């Protein structure tokens, strides 16, 4: 990977990033800050979130993204501190091992994943939109997944369903608020080289290879590559990108037979 070029597209804008303590969230907090944004780093992990905020010169807010009052307080804090809410990267999510085939996944696991992955995005959008409507501008980026547009025999049924919900909701909101200067897009990453992915299957070479064989570029994404896509969607360079399923998947969704 080449070094990320220095862009300054987000000077003076306030970005709220959930799940900012690690993985895609942390890489994005760094990228948005490097482009001039004031970044509010939200995470349930106080230690990781504080470290991220300190690194990017931003503000840490501890938040359980499934709690409506805490989510409301998150966006209010962002506005009260910086005077605007310009970018919402609703990224927090989980993929626990007990979310597997529909034949083995229990209702408790189903509900927990839906709450964290889908209900949290609903709550964050609901909290961010009033600030953006008053401003007459804003960019919301919701983390969906390539599994929202493809099926997998290696199922994580609630995760897949939750990401399909994020995709549909993002499309709906993008259409509903388009004429108010607000863009809403669903980011659909392929498999990313993050601690979550490593814990799930990359530590098992056989499981990792079963997935890698379907990736035309032959590797997992790096978090920084996903962060670059978020920065684009957050910026005015994406001014005509709205209600989109924004695939950053190394060609997975477009592939039938991949290179040897």
Protein backbone atom coordinates (compact mmCIF):
# COMPACT_ATOMS: atom_id res chain seq x y z
CA UNK A 1 0.00 0.00 0.00
CA UNK A 2 1.26 3.46 -0.86
CA UNK A 3 1.28 6.21 1.71
CA UNK A 4 -2.04 8.02 2.07
CA UNK A 5 -1.93 11.40 0.28
CA UNK A 6 -2.60 14.45 2.41
CA UNK A 7 -6.07 15.89 1.70
CA UNK A 8 -7.74 18.68 3.66
CA UNK A 9 -11.35 18.25 2.57
CA UNK A 10 -12.96 18.32 6.04
CA UNK A 11 -11.52 21.42 7.70
CA UNK A 12 -13.98 22.92 10.18
CA UNK A 13 -16.35 19.96 10.12
CA UNK A 14 -17.39 17.83 13.05
CA UNK A 15 -17.43 14.06 12.66
CA UNK A 16 -18.94 11.56 15.07
CA UNK A 17 -17.44 8.07 14.75
CA UNK A 18 -18.91 5.14 16.67
CA UNK A 19 -16.71 2.13 17.34
CA UNK A 20 -13.76 4.51 17.14
CA UNK A 21 -11.54 2.54 19.49
CA UNK A 22 -10.33 -0.07 17.01
CA UNK A 23 -10.46 -1.46 13.49
CA UNK A 24 -12.27 0.53 10.82
CA UNK A 25 -13.47 3.09 13.35
CA UNK A 26 -9.98 3.91 14.59
CA UNK A 27 -8.53 4.08 11.07
CA UNK A 28 -11.38 6.40 10.07
CA UNK A 29 -10.98 8.65 13.10
CA UNK A 30 -7.33 9.06 12.12
CA UNK A 31 -8.15 9.74 8.47
CA UNK A 32 -10.93 12.26 9.17
CA UNK A 33 -8.72 14.10 11.64
CA UNK A 34 -5.88 14.18 9.10
CA UNK A 35 -8.28 15.87 6.68
CA UNK A 36 -9.08 18.57 9.20
CA UNK A 37 -12.22 17.29 10.91
CA UNK A 38 -12.93 17.65 14.61
CA UNK A 39 -13.54 14.04 15.59
CA UNK A 40 -15.77 12.78 18.38
CA UNK A 41 -14.61 9.25 19.17
CA UNK A 42 -17.46 7.17 20.58
CA UNK A 43 -16.92 3.70 21.99
CA UNK A 44 -18.15 1.49 24.81
CA UNK A 45 -14.52 0.60 25.58
CA UNK A 46 -13.36 3.56 27.64
CA UNK A 47 -9.64 2.80 27.43
CA UNK A 48 -9.56 2.27 23.65
CA UNK A 49 -11.86 5.22 22.99
CA UNK A 50 -9.83 7.63 25.11
CA UNK A 51 -6.61 6.50 23.44
CA UNK A 52 -8.12 7.08 20.00
CA UNK A 53 -9.41 10.54 20.94
CA UNK A 54 -6.06 11.57 22.40
CA UNK A 55 -4.25 10.40 19.27
CA UNK A 56 -6.44 12.40 16.89
CA UNK A 57 -6.83 15.44 19.13
CA UNK A 58 -10.54 14.82 19.43
CA UNK A 59 -13.14 14.20 22.09
CA UNK A 60 -14.01 10.83 23.65
CA UNK A 61 -17.59 9.99 24.60
CA UNK A 62 -18.35 6.64 26.17
CA UNK A 63 -21.58 5.33 24.70
CA UNK A 64 -23.65 2.20 24.54
CA UNK A 65 -25.03 2.61 21.01
CA UNK A 66 -28.13 0.56 21.88
CA UNK A 67 -29.20 3.08 24.54
CA UNK A 68 -31.34 5.91 23.07
CA UNK A 69 -30.49 8.42 25.81
CA UNK A 70 -26.74 7.80 25.50
CA UNK A 71 -26.90 8.16 21.72
CA UNK A 72 -28.83 11.43 22.02
CA UNK A 73 -26.24 12.67 24.52
CA UNK A 74 -23.42 11.71 22.14
CA UNK A 75 -24.63 13.93 19.32
CA UNK A 76 -25.62 16.73 21.70
CA UNK A 77 -22.10 16.67 23.15
CA UNK A 78 -20.63 16.85 19.65
CA UNK A 79 -22.81 19.85 18.80
CA UNK A 80 -22.28 21.60 22.15
CA UNK A 81 -18.49 21.17 21.90
CA UNK A 82 -17.88 22.00 18.24
CA UNK A 83 -21.01 23.81 17.06
CA UNK A 84 -22.12 21.40 14.32
CA UNK A 85 -22.70 17.78 13.39
CA UNK A 86 -21.50 17.45 9.81
CA UNK A 87 -20.52 13.79 9.52
CA UNK A 88 -21.91 10.73 11.27
CA UNK A 89 -20.02 7.49 10.70
CA UNK A 90 -22.29 4.93 12.34
CA UNK A 91 -19.86 2.06 12.45
CA UNK A 92 -20.15 0.20 15.77
CA UNK A 93 -20.98 -3.47 15.35
CA UNK A 94 -20.42 -6.99 16.61
CA UNK A 95 -20.13 -10.45 15.11
CA UNK A 96 -20.11 -12.94 17.98
CA UNK A 97 -19.32 -16.66 17.53
CA UNK A 98 -22.79 -17.74 18.67
CA UNK A 99 -24.25 -16.02 15.58
CA UNK A 100 -23.89 -18.81 13.06
CA UNK A 101 -26.26 -20.88 10.94
CA UNK A 102 -29.97 -20.23 11.40
CA UNK A 103 -30.16 -23.86 12.55
CA UNK A 104 -27.96 -23.22 15.57
CA UNK A 105 -28.29 -19.49 16.36
CA UNK A 106 -30.47 -18.84 19.37
CA UNK A 107 -32.94 -16.01 19.75
CA UNK A 108 -30.80 -14.23 22.34
CA UNK A 109 -27.84 -14.10 19.95
CA UNK A 110 -30.13 -12.95 17.13
CA UNK A 111 -31.55 -10.10 19.20
CA UNK A 112 -28.18 -8.97 20.56
CA UNK A 113 -26.66 -8.64 17.09
CA UNK A 114 -29.73 -6.84 15.74
CA UNK A 115 -29.61 -4.37 18.64
CA UNK A 116 -25.94 -3.50 18.22
CA UNK A 117 -25.69 -3.63 14.42
CA UNK A 118 -29.06 -2.32 13.24
CA UNK A 119 -30.97 -0.62 16.05
CA UNK A 120 -27.87 1.42 16.91
CA UNK A 121 -27.72 2.77 13.35
CA UNK A 122 -31.40 3.71 13.57
CA UNK A 123 -30.73 5.53 16.86
CA UNK A 124 -27.63 7.32 15.56
CA UNK A 125 -29.36 8.48 12.38
CA UNK A 126 -32.39 9.63 14.38
CA UNK A 127 -30.13 11.62 16.71
CA UNK A 128 -27.90 13.13 14.01
CA UNK A 129 -30.56 14.17 11.51
CA UNK A 130 -32.10 17.09 13.46
CA UNK A 131 -28.71 18.85 13.65
CA UNK A 132 -28.06 18.26 9.95
CA UNK A 133 -31.54 19.45 8.96
CA UNK A 134 -31.05 22.72 10.85
CA UNK A 135 -27.70 23.22 9.12
CA UNK A 136 -29.05 22.25 5.71
CA UNK A 137 -26.13 19.88 5.16
CA UNK A 138 -24.61 16.64 6.38
CA UNK A 139 -23.19 13.27 5.43
CA UNK A 140 -24.22 10.05 7.16
CA UNK A 141 -22.22 6.92 6.42
CA UNK A 142 -23.58 3.68 7.85
CA UNK A 143 -21.43 0.57 7.95
CA UNK A 144 -23.24 -2.26 6.19
CA UNK A 145 -21.25 -5.06 4.52
CA UNK A 146 -20.78 -6.90 1.26
CA UNK A 147 -22.88 -9.67 2.85
CA UNK A 148 -25.84 -7.28 2.52
CA UNK A 149 -25.74 -7.88 -1.24
CA UNK A 150 -24.47 -11.48 -1.40
CA UNK A 151 -25.26 -14.79 0.23
CA UNK A 152 -22.74 -16.99 2.03
CA UNK A 153 -22.81 -20.67 2.93
CA UNK A 154 -20.59 -19.75 5.90
CA UNK A 155 -23.54 -17.98 7.48
CA UNK A 156 -23.72 -15.55 10.37
CA UNK A 157 -27.45 -15.18 10.04
CA UNK A 158 -28.18 -12.26 12.35
CA UNK A 159 -25.12 -10.30 11.21
CA UNK A 160 -26.12 -10.75 7.57
CA UNK A 161 -29.73 -9.75 8.25
CA UNK A 162 -28.65 -6.73 10.30
CA UNK A 163 -26.39 -5.46 7.53
CA UNK A 164 -29.17 -5.93 4.98
CA UNK A 165 -31.30 -3.75 7.25
CA UNK A 166 -28.59 -1.09 7.43
CA UNK A 167 -28.39 -1.04 3.64
CA UNK A 168 -32.15 -0.67 3.17
CA UNK A 169 -32.47 1.97 5.89
CA UNK A 170 -29.59 4.01 4.47
CA UNK A 171 -31.16 3.99 1.03
CA UNK A 172 -34.50 5.12 2.45
CA UNK A 173 -33.00 7.97 4.48
CA UNK A 174 -30.85 9.09 1.57
CA UNK A 175 -33.95 9.47 -0.57
CA UNK A 176 -36.08 11.05 2.16
CA UNK A 177 -33.63 13.82 3.09
CA UNK A 178 -31.87 14.39 -0.24
CA UNK A 179 -33.44 17.80 -0.87
CA UNK A 180 -32.41 19.03 2.57
CA UNK A 181 -28.71 18.81 1.71
CA UNK A 182 -28.19 15.54 3.59
CA UNK A 183 -26.59 12.50 2.00
CA UNK A 184 -26.93 9.02 3.51
CA UNK A 185 -24.87 6.14 2.15
CA UNK A 186 -24.23 2.54 3.14
CA UNK A 187 -20.58 1.56 3.18
CA UNK A 188 -20.25 -2.11 2.22
CA UNK A 189 -16.74 -3.35 3.04
CA UNK A 190 -15.43 -6.74 2.11
CA UNK A 191 -13.49 -8.70 4.76
CA UNK A 192 -11.11 -6.36 6.57
CA UNK A 193 -7.89 -7.16 8.39
CA UNK A 194 -9.12 -6.08 11.84
CA UNK A 195 -8.96 -7.67 15.30
CA UNK A 196 -12.61 -8.76 14.88
CA UNK A 197 -11.92 -10.58 11.62
CA UNK A 198 -8.76 -12.19 12.99
CA UNK A 199 -10.67 -13.47 16.00
CA UNK A 200 -13.47 -14.84 13.83
CA UNK A 201 -11.55 -16.78 11.24
CA UNK A 202 -8.24 -15.40 10.05
CA UNK A 203 -6.38 -17.24 12.84
CA UNK A 204 -7.67 -20.48 11.29
CA UNK A 205 -5.85 -20.80 7.91
CA UNK A 206 -8.49 -23.13 6.47
CA UNK A 207 -11.37 -20.78 7.30
CA UNK A 208 -9.41 -17.78 6.04
CA UNK A 209 -8.54 -19.52 2.76
CA UNK A 210 -12.18 -20.45 2.17
CA UNK A 211 -12.90 -16.72 2.08
CA UNK A 212 -9.76 -15.49 0.35
CA UNK A 213 -10.36 -17.70 -2.68
CA UNK A 214 -13.39 -15.51 -3.49
CA UNK A 215 -11.49 -12.20 -3.31
CA UNK A 216 -10.20 -11.24 -6.77
CA UNK A 217 -7.35 -9.15 -5.34
CA UNK A 218 -6.30 -12.11 -3.18
CA UNK A 219 -6.19 -10.45 0.24
CA UNK A 220 -8.31 -8.86 2.89
CA UNK A 221 -8.70 -5.07 3.00
CA UNK A 222 -6.69 -2.95 5.39
CA UNK A 223 -8.70 -0.66 7.70
CA UNK A 224 -7.04 2.38 6.14
CA UNK A 225 -8.47 1.46 2.74
CA UNK A 226 -11.99 1.49 4.18
CA UNK A 227 -11.24 4.76 5.99
CA UNK A 228 -10.31 6.33 2.65
CA UNK A 229 -13.77 5.46 1.32
CA UNK A 230 -15.42 6.98 4.39
CA UNK A 231 -13.42 10.19 3.96
CA UNK A 232 -14.55 10.40 0.34
CA UNK A 233 -18.21 9.86 1.25
CA UNK A 234 -17.93 12.45 4.02
CA UNK A 235 -16.45 15.07 1.71
CA UNK A 236 -17.86 17.33 -0.98
CA UNK A 237 -16.07 15.17 -3.54
CA UNK A 238 -19.03 12.80 -3.03
CA UNK A 239 -21.65 15.54 -3.38
CA UNK A 240 -23.68 13.50 -5.90
CA UNK A 241 -23.26 10.15 -4.13
CA UNK A 242 -26.41 9.45 -2.16
CA UNK A 243 -28.58 6.49 -1.14
CA UNK A 244 -25.82 4.25 -2.49
CA UNK A 245 -24.53 0.81 -1.60
CA UNK A 246 -20.87 1.79 -1.67
CA UNK A 247 -18.94 -1.44 -2.16
CA UNK A 248 -15.30 -1.52 -1.09
CA UNK A 249 -14.79 -5.24 -1.43
CA UNK A 250 -11.83 -5.92 -3.71
CA UNK A 251 -14.19 -7.09 -6.44
CA UNK A 252 -15.94 -9.87 -4.48
CA UNK A 253 -19.48 -8.86 -5.44
CA UNK A 254 -18.54 -8.66 -9.11
CA UNK A 255 -16.72 -11.98 -9.32
CA UNK A 256 -17.67 -15.43 -10.58
CA UNK A 257 -14.30 -17.14 -11.15
CA UNK A 258 -11.32 -15.47 -9.49
CA UNK A 259 -7.68 -15.47 -10.71
CA UNK A 260 -5.38 -18.34 -9.78
